[in-house]
Every structure is written in structure tokens, then in C-alpha cells.
Amino acid sequence: MQEKDMVNDVLSMVNSSLTGYANVIAQTANPQLRETLRQIRDNDERFQYDLFKLAESKGFYKPAQMAAQNDIMQVKSQLGGTM
């Protein structure tokens, strides 16, 4: 397996786990468990970002082009300015 494939696989798995943490945290009533899950999620988010930056620097990942300011304002207007 090539390095690019391994990095992309790990990124995909971490992204999926972050979604899972969000769902579990939202449904957890125990404050201590919620805090523990948040800490785990926060650590995974930092790891995901570091890995993303590595993938981007090696050319394994190319993010989408940034939106133009007028496009952002149009979407914001359509959503009622709640952003």
C-alpha cells in the first residue's frame, strides 16, 4: 500500500470517528462521560488536522477552492443571516 493511500485511509477513518463522537456526545447524559468523550474528540480533531496538513503538503490532498466573499454573503442571506 502506498503512503498516499494509507494517509487517506486514516483520514477517512478519523473523519468517520469524529462524526460518531458528535452523535454519542449529543446523547450522553452523564457529565463526566460527556467531558471524557469531548476530550477524546478534541484530540482526534487535532490529529486529523495535523494529518490533513501533512497530506496537503505532500500533495496527497487538494482542498476545494475557497469561496468568493459574494458567494458567502449570498448563502448567508439565503439562510437568514444566522451565520
C-alpha atoms as a PDB file:
ATOM      1  CA  MET A   1       0.000   0.000   0.000  1.00  0.00           C
ATOM      2  CA  GLN A   2       1.320   3.422  -0.944  1.00  0.00           C
ATOM      3  CA  GLU A   3       1.841   6.185   1.643  1.00  0.00           C
ATOM      4  CA  LYS A   4      -0.836   8.316  -0.030  1.00  0.00           C
ATOM      5  CA  ASP A   5      -3.396   5.516   0.285  1.00  0.00           C
ATOM      6  CA  MET A   6      -2.529   4.913   3.942  1.00  0.00           C
ATOM      7  CA  VAL A   7      -2.816   8.607   4.820  1.00  0.00           C
ATOM      8  CA  ASN A   8      -6.137   8.934   3.002  1.00  0.00           C
ATOM      9  CA  ASP A   9      -7.480   5.792   4.701  1.00  0.00           C
ATOM     10  CA  VAL A  10      -6.544   7.091   8.146  1.00  0.00           C
ATOM     11  CA  LEU A  11      -8.058  10.497   7.360  1.00  0.00           C
ATOM     12  CA  SER A  12     -11.270   8.814   6.293  1.00  0.00           C
ATOM     13  CA  MET A  13     -11.407   6.690   9.453  1.00  0.00           C
ATOM     14  CA  VAL A  14     -10.720   9.653  11.750  1.00  0.00           C
ATOM     15  CA  ASN A  15     -13.337  11.770   9.981  1.00  0.00           C
ATOM     16  CA  SER A  16     -15.856   8.988  10.471  1.00  0.00           C
ATOM     17  CA  SER A  17     -14.975   8.627  14.151  1.00  0.00           C
ATOM     18  CA  LEU A  18     -15.409  12.386  14.664  1.00  0.00           C
ATOM     19  CA  THR A  19     -18.964  12.096  13.367  1.00  0.00           C
ATOM     20  CA  GLY A  20     -19.538   9.183  15.721  1.00  0.00           C
ATOM     21  CA  TYR A  21     -18.247  11.149  18.712  1.00  0.00           C
ATOM     22  CA  ALA A  22     -20.605  14.025  17.916  1.00  0.00           C
ATOM     23  CA  ASN A  23     -23.572  11.646  17.887  1.00  0.00           C
ATOM     24  CA  VAL A  24     -22.581   9.925  21.122  1.00  0.00           C
ATOM     25  CA  ILE A  25     -21.814  13.166  22.952  1.00  0.00           C
ATOM     26  CA  ALA A  26     -25.216  14.567  21.990  1.00  0.00           C
ATOM     27  CA  GLN A  27     -26.919  11.512  23.515  1.00  0.00           C
ATOM     28  CA  THR A  28     -24.863  11.175  26.714  1.00  0.00           C
ATOM     29  CA  ALA A  29     -26.446  12.419  29.940  1.00  0.00           C
ATOM     30  CA  ASN A  30     -23.520  11.707  32.277  1.00  0.00           C
ATOM     31  CA  PRO A  31     -21.462  14.937  32.533  1.00  0.00           C
ATOM     32  CA  GLN A  32     -18.197  13.132  33.270  1.00  0.00           C
ATOM     33  CA  LEU A  33     -18.620  10.787  30.316  1.00  0.00           C
ATOM     34  CA  ARG A  34     -19.550  13.724  28.066  1.00  0.00           C
ATOM     35  CA  GLU A  35     -16.376  15.558  29.091  1.00  0.00           C
ATOM     36  CA  THR A  36     -14.227  12.472  28.527  1.00  0.00           C
ATOM     37  CA  LEU A  37     -15.736  11.963  25.079  1.00  0.00           C
ATOM     38  CA  ARG A  38     -15.193  15.648  24.250  1.00  0.00           C
ATOM     39  CA  GLN A  39     -11.527  15.352  25.224  1.00  0.00           C
ATOM     40  CA  ILE A  40     -11.109  12.271  23.041  1.00  0.00           C
ATOM     41  CA  ARG A  41     -12.885  14.028  20.178  1.00  0.00           C
ATOM     42  CA  ASP A  42     -10.732  17.147  20.587  1.00  0.00           C
ATOM     43  CA  ASN A  43      -7.550  15.038  20.477  1.00  0.00           C
ATOM     44  CA  ASP A  44      -8.795  13.277  17.349  1.00  0.00           C
ATOM     45  CA  GLU A  45      -9.613  16.634  15.741  1.00  0.00           C
ATOM     46  CA  ARG A  46      -6.065  17.845  16.385  1.00  0.00           C
ATOM     47  CA  PHE A  47      -4.654  14.598  14.982  1.00  0.00           C
ATOM     48  CA  GLN A  48      -6.940  14.849  11.948  1.00  0.00           C
ATOM     49  CA  TYR A  49      -5.841  18.429  11.247  1.00  0.00           C
ATOM     50  CA  ASP A  50      -2.149  17.565  11.602  1.00  0.00           C
ATOM     51  CA  LEU A  51      -2.571  14.602   9.257  1.00  0.00           C
ATOM     52  CA  PHE A  52      -4.569  16.745   6.827  1.00  0.00           C
ATOM     53  CA  LYS A  53      -1.768  19.345   6.758  1.00  0.00           C
ATOM     54  CA  LEU A  54       0.780  16.582   6.131  1.00  0.00           C
ATOM     55  CA  ALA A  55      -1.327  15.121   3.313  1.00  0.00           C
ATOM     56  CA  GLU A  56      -1.777  18.572   1.795  1.00  0.00           C
ATOM     57  CA  SER A  57       1.958  19.345   1.985  1.00  0.00           C
ATOM     58  CA  LYS A  58       2.815  16.084   0.224  1.00  0.00           C
ATOM     59  CA  GLY A  59       0.242  16.680  -2.494  1.00  0.00           C
ATOM     60  CA  PHE A  60      -1.951  13.778  -1.325  1.00  0.00           C
ATOM     61  CA  TYR A  61      -4.921  16.063  -0.755  1.00  0.00           C
ATOM     62  CA  LYS A  62      -6.035  19.205  -2.543  1.00  0.00           C
ATOM     63  CA  PRO A  63      -8.744  21.153  -0.711  1.00  0.00           C
ATOM     64  CA  ALA A  64     -11.585  22.799  -2.574  1.00  0.00           C
ATOM     65  CA  GLN A  65     -11.035  26.329  -3.796  1.00  0.00           C
ATOM     66  CA  MET A  66     -12.035  28.984  -1.268  1.00  0.00           C
ATOM     67  CA  ALA A  67     -15.477  30.514  -1.826  1.00  0.00           C
ATOM     68  CA  ALA A  68     -15.689  34.078  -3.054  1.00  0.00           C
ATOM     69  CA  GLN A  69     -16.923  36.613  -0.497  1.00  0.00           C
ATOM     70  CA  ASN A  70     -20.027  37.424  -2.568  1.00  0.00           C
ATOM     71  CA  ASP A  71     -20.957  33.707  -2.663  1.00  0.00           C
ATOM     72  CA  ILE A  72     -20.605  33.522   1.122  1.00  0.00           C
ATOM     73  CA  MET A  73     -22.808  36.593   1.543  1.00  0.00           C
ATOM     74  CA  GLN A  74     -25.432  35.152  -0.807  1.00  0.00           C
ATOM     75  CA  VAL A  75     -25.638  31.892   1.166  1.00  0.00           C
ATOM     76  CA  LYS A  76     -25.711  33.818   4.438  1.00  0.00           C
ATOM     77  CA  SER A  77     -28.571  35.927   3.108  1.00  0.00           C
ATOM     78  CA  GLN A  78     -30.484  32.826   1.989  1.00  0.00           C
ATOM     79  CA  LEU A  79     -30.094  31.322   5.463  1.00  0.00           C
ATOM     80  CA  GLY A  80     -31.490  34.425   7.077  1.00  0.00           C
ATOM     81  CA  GLY A  81     -28.191  35.872   8.223  1.00  0.00           C
ATOM     82  CA  THR A  82     -27.810  33.297  11.006  1.00  0.00           C
ATOM     83  CA  MET A  83     -24.150  32.701  10.274  1.00  0.00           C
END
